[in-house]
Amino acid sequence: MAVSGDSLSGVHCLVLRPAGQAAALTAHLRSLGASVTHFPTTEIRPLAPAPEQLAAVESADWLVFVSPNAADLGVRAIAAASRSIPAESRVAAVGA
């Protein structure tokens, strides 16, 4: 099937994003004319970092988060442990 221009009319998209994180993508695809099935294949759950891992944050040169979810949950874990990211530390993340 050929898709022309900005139309996805006649295209069926399978969205595998986790529950709670697919609404914007599915709405956008539908606005372009696609039919969409949301079938979450992953679940985002926080892990409990070891105390020594959280303590290491305060002397880290770099903190690297591998996804927006990792950044969100990581920063929450750091704050919950009453730790902080030093101003001189560099922070990198994949995604927005």
N, C-alpha and C. Protein backbone atom coordinates (compact mmCIF):
# COMPACT_ATOMS: atom_id res chain seq x y z
N MET A 1 0.84 -1.18 0.00
CA MET A 1 0.00 0.00 0.00
C MET A 1 0.88 1.24 0.00
N ALA A 2 0.59 2.18 -0.83
CA ALA A 2 1.34 3.43 -0.90
C ALA A 2 0.69 4.46 0.01
N VAL A 3 1.53 5.16 0.76
CA VAL A 3 1.06 6.24 1.63
C VAL A 3 1.47 7.54 0.96
N SER A 4 0.53 8.45 0.82
CA SER A 4 0.86 9.70 0.14
C SER A 4 0.79 10.88 1.10
N GLY A 5 1.73 11.80 0.95
CA GLY A 5 1.74 13.02 1.74
C GLY A 5 1.77 12.74 3.23
N ASP A 6 0.93 13.48 3.96
CA ASP A 6 0.86 13.34 5.40
C ASP A 6 -0.25 12.40 5.84
N SER A 7 -0.83 11.65 4.92
CA SER A 7 -1.95 10.79 5.25
C SER A 7 -1.49 9.37 5.53
N LEU A 8 -2.02 8.80 6.58
CA LEU A 8 -1.78 7.39 6.89
C LEU A 8 -3.08 6.60 6.72
N SER A 9 -3.98 7.14 5.93
CA SER A 9 -5.25 6.48 5.68
C SER A 9 -5.00 5.08 5.12
N GLY A 10 -5.65 4.08 5.70
CA GLY A 10 -5.48 2.71 5.26
C GLY A 10 -4.32 1.98 5.91
N VAL A 11 -3.57 2.68 6.76
CA VAL A 11 -2.43 2.06 7.44
C VAL A 11 -2.85 1.69 8.86
N HIS A 12 -2.46 0.50 9.30
CA HIS A 12 -2.71 0.07 10.67
C HIS A 12 -1.39 0.09 11.42
N CYS A 13 -1.34 0.82 12.53
CA CYS A 13 -0.12 0.94 13.33
C CYS A 13 -0.30 0.20 14.65
N LEU A 14 0.72 -0.53 15.04
CA LEU A 14 0.76 -1.22 16.32
C LEU A 14 1.70 -0.43 17.21
N VAL A 15 1.19 0.14 18.29
CA VAL A 15 1.98 0.95 19.22
C VAL A 15 2.30 0.09 20.44
N LEU A 16 3.59 -0.06 20.73
CA LEU A 16 4.03 -0.94 21.80
C LEU A 16 4.46 -0.20 23.06
N ARG A 17 4.28 1.10 23.10
CA ARG A 17 4.70 1.90 24.26
C ARG A 17 3.99 1.44 25.52
N PRO A 18 4.60 1.68 26.68
CA PRO A 18 3.98 1.28 27.95
C PRO A 18 2.64 1.96 28.17
N ALA A 19 1.80 1.32 28.97
CA ALA A 19 0.52 1.92 29.35
C ALA A 19 0.81 3.28 29.99
N GLY A 20 0.00 4.25 29.66
CA GLY A 20 0.18 5.59 30.21
C GLY A 20 1.16 6.45 29.43
N GLN A 21 1.81 5.87 28.43
CA GLN A 21 2.79 6.65 27.66
C GLN A 21 2.54 6.59 26.15
N ALA A 22 1.35 6.19 25.77
CA ALA A 22 1.07 6.04 24.34
C ALA A 22 0.03 7.00 23.81
N ALA A 23 -0.65 7.71 24.69
CA ALA A 23 -1.79 8.53 24.26
C ALA A 23 -1.43 9.55 23.19
N ALA A 24 -0.35 10.28 23.38
CA ALA A 24 0.01 11.33 22.41
C ALA A 24 0.37 10.72 21.06
N LEU A 25 1.13 9.64 21.07
CA LEU A 25 1.51 9.01 19.81
C LEU A 25 0.30 8.42 19.09
N THR A 26 -0.55 7.71 19.82
CA THR A 26 -1.71 7.12 19.16
C THR A 26 -2.65 8.20 18.63
N ALA A 27 -2.82 9.29 19.38
CA ALA A 27 -3.68 10.38 18.92
C ALA A 27 -3.11 11.01 17.64
N HIS A 28 -1.80 11.19 17.60
CA HIS A 28 -1.17 11.77 16.42
C HIS A 28 -1.34 10.86 15.21
N LEU A 29 -1.10 9.58 15.40
CA LEU A 29 -1.26 8.64 14.29
C LEU A 29 -2.71 8.62 13.78
N ARG A 30 -3.65 8.64 14.72
CA ARG A 30 -5.06 8.67 14.31
C ARG A 30 -5.40 9.96 13.58
N SER A 31 -4.81 11.08 14.01
CA SER A 31 -5.09 12.35 13.34
C SER A 31 -4.58 12.35 11.90
N LEU A 32 -3.62 11.47 11.61
CA LEU A 32 -3.10 11.33 10.25
C LEU A 32 -3.87 10.28 9.45
N GLY A 33 -4.88 9.69 10.08
CA GLY A 33 -5.74 8.76 9.37
C GLY A 33 -5.47 7.29 9.62
N ALA A 34 -4.49 6.96 10.44
CA ALA A 34 -4.16 5.56 10.70
C ALA A 34 -5.16 4.93 11.67
N SER A 35 -5.34 3.64 11.53
CA SER A 35 -6.03 2.92 12.60
C SER A 35 -4.91 2.42 13.52
N VAL A 36 -5.16 2.44 14.82
CA VAL A 36 -4.10 2.19 15.79
C VAL A 36 -4.55 1.15 16.80
N THR A 37 -3.67 0.21 17.07
CA THR A 37 -3.86 -0.73 18.17
C THR A 37 -2.75 -0.49 19.17
N HIS A 38 -3.12 -0.23 20.41
CA HIS A 38 -2.13 -0.07 21.47
C HIS A 38 -2.00 -1.40 22.19
N PHE A 39 -0.79 -1.96 22.17
CA PHE A 39 -0.50 -3.24 22.80
C PHE A 39 0.80 -3.08 23.59
N PRO A 40 0.70 -2.60 24.85
CA PRO A 40 1.92 -2.36 25.63
C PRO A 40 2.70 -3.65 25.86
N THR A 41 3.99 -3.60 25.55
CA THR A 41 4.83 -4.78 25.72
C THR A 41 5.86 -4.62 26.83
N THR A 42 5.91 -3.43 27.42
CA THR A 42 6.83 -3.20 28.53
C THR A 42 6.08 -2.51 29.66
N GLU A 43 6.64 -2.61 30.84
CA GLU A 43 6.09 -1.94 32.01
C GLU A 43 7.23 -1.18 32.66
N ILE A 44 7.00 0.08 32.96
CA ILE A 44 8.02 0.90 33.61
C ILE A 44 7.80 0.82 35.11
N ARG A 45 8.80 0.30 35.82
CA ARG A 45 8.73 0.20 37.27
C ARG A 45 10.05 0.66 37.87
N PRO A 46 10.01 1.41 38.95
CA PRO A 46 11.26 1.85 39.57
C PRO A 46 11.96 0.68 40.26
N LEU A 47 13.28 0.72 40.24
CA LEU A 47 14.09 -0.22 41.01
C LEU A 47 14.52 0.47 42.29
N ALA A 48 14.89 -0.29 43.27
CA ALA A 48 15.40 0.28 44.52
C ALA A 48 16.92 0.28 44.45
N PRO A 49 17.53 1.42 44.15
CA PRO A 49 19.00 1.46 44.10
C PRO A 49 19.59 1.17 45.48
N ALA A 50 20.76 0.56 45.47
CA ALA A 50 21.47 0.29 46.72
C ALA A 50 21.93 1.62 47.32
N PRO A 51 21.98 1.70 48.65
CA PRO A 51 22.41 2.96 49.29
C PRO A 51 23.77 3.46 48.79
N GLU A 52 24.70 2.55 48.53
CA GLU A 52 26.02 2.99 48.06
C GLU A 52 25.95 3.58 46.65
N GLN A 53 25.00 3.12 45.85
CA GLN A 53 24.82 3.71 44.51
C GLN A 53 24.30 5.13 44.63
N LEU A 54 23.37 5.34 45.53
CA LEU A 54 22.82 6.69 45.72
C LEU A 54 23.86 7.61 46.34
N ALA A 55 24.68 7.10 47.23
CA ALA A 55 25.74 7.93 47.83
C ALA A 55 26.76 8.34 46.78
N ALA A 56 27.03 7.46 45.81
CA ALA A 56 28.01 7.75 44.77
C ALA A 56 27.59 8.92 43.89
N VAL A 57 26.31 9.21 43.84
CA VAL A 57 25.81 10.34 43.03
C VAL A 57 26.50 11.63 43.45
N GLU A 58 26.74 11.79 44.73
CA GLU A 58 27.27 13.06 45.23
C GLU A 58 28.74 13.28 44.89
N SER A 59 29.42 12.27 44.36
CA SER A 59 30.81 12.46 43.93
C SER A 59 30.99 12.12 42.45
N ALA A 60 29.91 11.96 41.73
CA ALA A 60 29.98 11.57 40.32
C ALA A 60 30.36 12.75 39.43
N ASP A 61 31.23 12.48 38.48
CA ASP A 61 31.56 13.49 37.47
C ASP A 61 30.44 13.57 36.44
N TRP A 62 29.87 12.41 36.11
CA TRP A 62 28.80 12.32 35.13
C TRP A 62 27.68 11.45 35.67
N LEU A 63 26.44 11.82 35.37
CA LEU A 63 25.28 10.96 35.57
C LEU A 63 24.66 10.80 34.19
N VAL A 64 24.51 9.56 33.75
CA VAL A 64 23.98 9.28 32.43
C VAL A 64 22.71 8.45 32.57
N PHE A 65 21.61 8.99 32.08
CA PHE A 65 20.32 8.31 32.13
C PHE A 65 20.02 7.80 30.72
N VAL A 66 19.59 6.54 30.63
CA VAL A 66 19.44 5.90 29.32
C VAL A 66 18.08 6.14 28.67
N SER A 67 17.19 6.84 29.35
CA SER A 67 15.87 7.14 28.78
C SER A 67 15.22 8.23 29.61
N PRO A 68 14.17 8.86 29.07
CA PRO A 68 13.43 9.83 29.89
C PRO A 68 12.85 9.18 31.15
N ASN A 69 12.40 7.92 31.05
CA ASN A 69 11.89 7.23 32.23
C ASN A 69 12.99 7.04 33.27
N ALA A 70 14.19 6.66 32.82
CA ALA A 70 15.30 6.48 33.74
C ALA A 70 15.66 7.79 34.43
N ALA A 71 15.63 8.88 33.69
CA ALA A 71 15.94 10.18 34.28
C ALA A 71 14.91 10.55 35.34
N ASP A 72 13.63 10.40 35.01
CA ASP A 72 12.56 10.73 35.94
C ASP A 72 12.66 9.88 37.22
N LEU A 73 12.75 8.58 37.05
CA LEU A 73 12.79 7.70 38.22
C LEU A 73 14.11 7.84 38.98
N GLY A 74 15.20 8.06 38.27
CA GLY A 74 16.50 8.23 38.93
C GLY A 74 16.55 9.48 39.79
N VAL A 75 16.07 10.59 39.25
CA VAL A 75 16.07 11.84 40.01
C VAL A 75 15.15 11.72 41.24
N ARG A 76 14.03 11.04 41.06
CA ARG A 76 13.13 10.82 42.21
C ARG A 76 13.80 9.98 43.29
N ALA A 77 14.52 8.93 42.88
CA ALA A 77 15.21 8.08 43.86
C ALA A 77 16.30 8.85 44.59
N ILE A 78 17.01 9.70 43.86
CA ILE A 78 18.06 10.52 44.48
C ILE A 78 17.45 11.45 45.52
N ALA A 79 16.37 12.11 45.17
CA ALA A 79 15.70 13.02 46.10
C ALA A 79 15.12 12.28 47.30
N ALA A 80 14.52 11.11 47.06
CA ALA A 80 13.91 10.34 48.15
C ALA A 80 14.96 9.87 49.15
N ALA A 81 16.20 9.71 48.68
CA ALA A 81 17.29 9.29 49.57
C ALA A 81 17.99 10.49 50.20
N SER A 82 17.39 11.67 50.03
CA SER A 82 17.97 12.92 50.55
C SER A 82 19.38 13.16 50.04
N ARG A 83 19.61 12.79 48.80
CA ARG A 83 20.89 13.03 48.13
C ARG A 83 20.67 14.13 47.11
N SER A 84 21.76 14.68 46.61
CA SER A 84 21.62 15.71 45.58
C SER A 84 22.73 15.54 44.55
N ILE A 85 22.44 16.05 43.37
CA ILE A 85 23.41 16.03 42.27
C ILE A 85 24.23 17.31 42.39
N PRO A 86 25.54 17.19 42.56
CA PRO A 86 26.36 18.40 42.69
C PRO A 86 26.27 19.29 41.44
N ALA A 87 26.36 20.57 41.64
CA ALA A 87 26.26 21.52 40.53
C ALA A 87 27.34 21.30 39.50
N GLU A 88 28.51 20.81 39.90
CA GLU A 88 29.61 20.61 38.96
C GLU A 88 29.52 19.29 38.19
N SER A 89 28.60 18.43 38.58
CA SER A 89 28.41 17.17 37.85
C SER A 89 27.73 17.44 36.51
N ARG A 90 28.10 16.67 35.51
CA ARG A 90 27.45 16.76 34.23
C ARG A 90 26.38 15.69 34.16
N VAL A 91 25.27 16.01 33.51
CA VAL A 91 24.16 15.08 33.39
C VAL A 91 23.83 14.92 31.91
N ALA A 92 23.69 13.66 31.50
CA ALA A 92 23.33 13.38 30.11
C ALA A 92 22.15 12.41 30.12
N ALA A 93 21.31 12.54 29.09
CA ALA A 93 20.16 11.65 28.98
C ALA A 93 19.84 11.40 27.52
N VAL A 94 19.33 10.22 27.25
CA VAL A 94 18.84 9.88 25.92
C VAL A 94 17.39 10.36 25.85
N GLY A 95 17.03 11.05 24.81
CA GLY A 95 15.66 11.53 24.66
C GLY A 95 15.49 12.95 25.19
N ALA A 96 14.26 13.38 25.14
CA ALA A 96 13.96 14.75 25.57
C ALA A 96 14.05 14.90 27.08
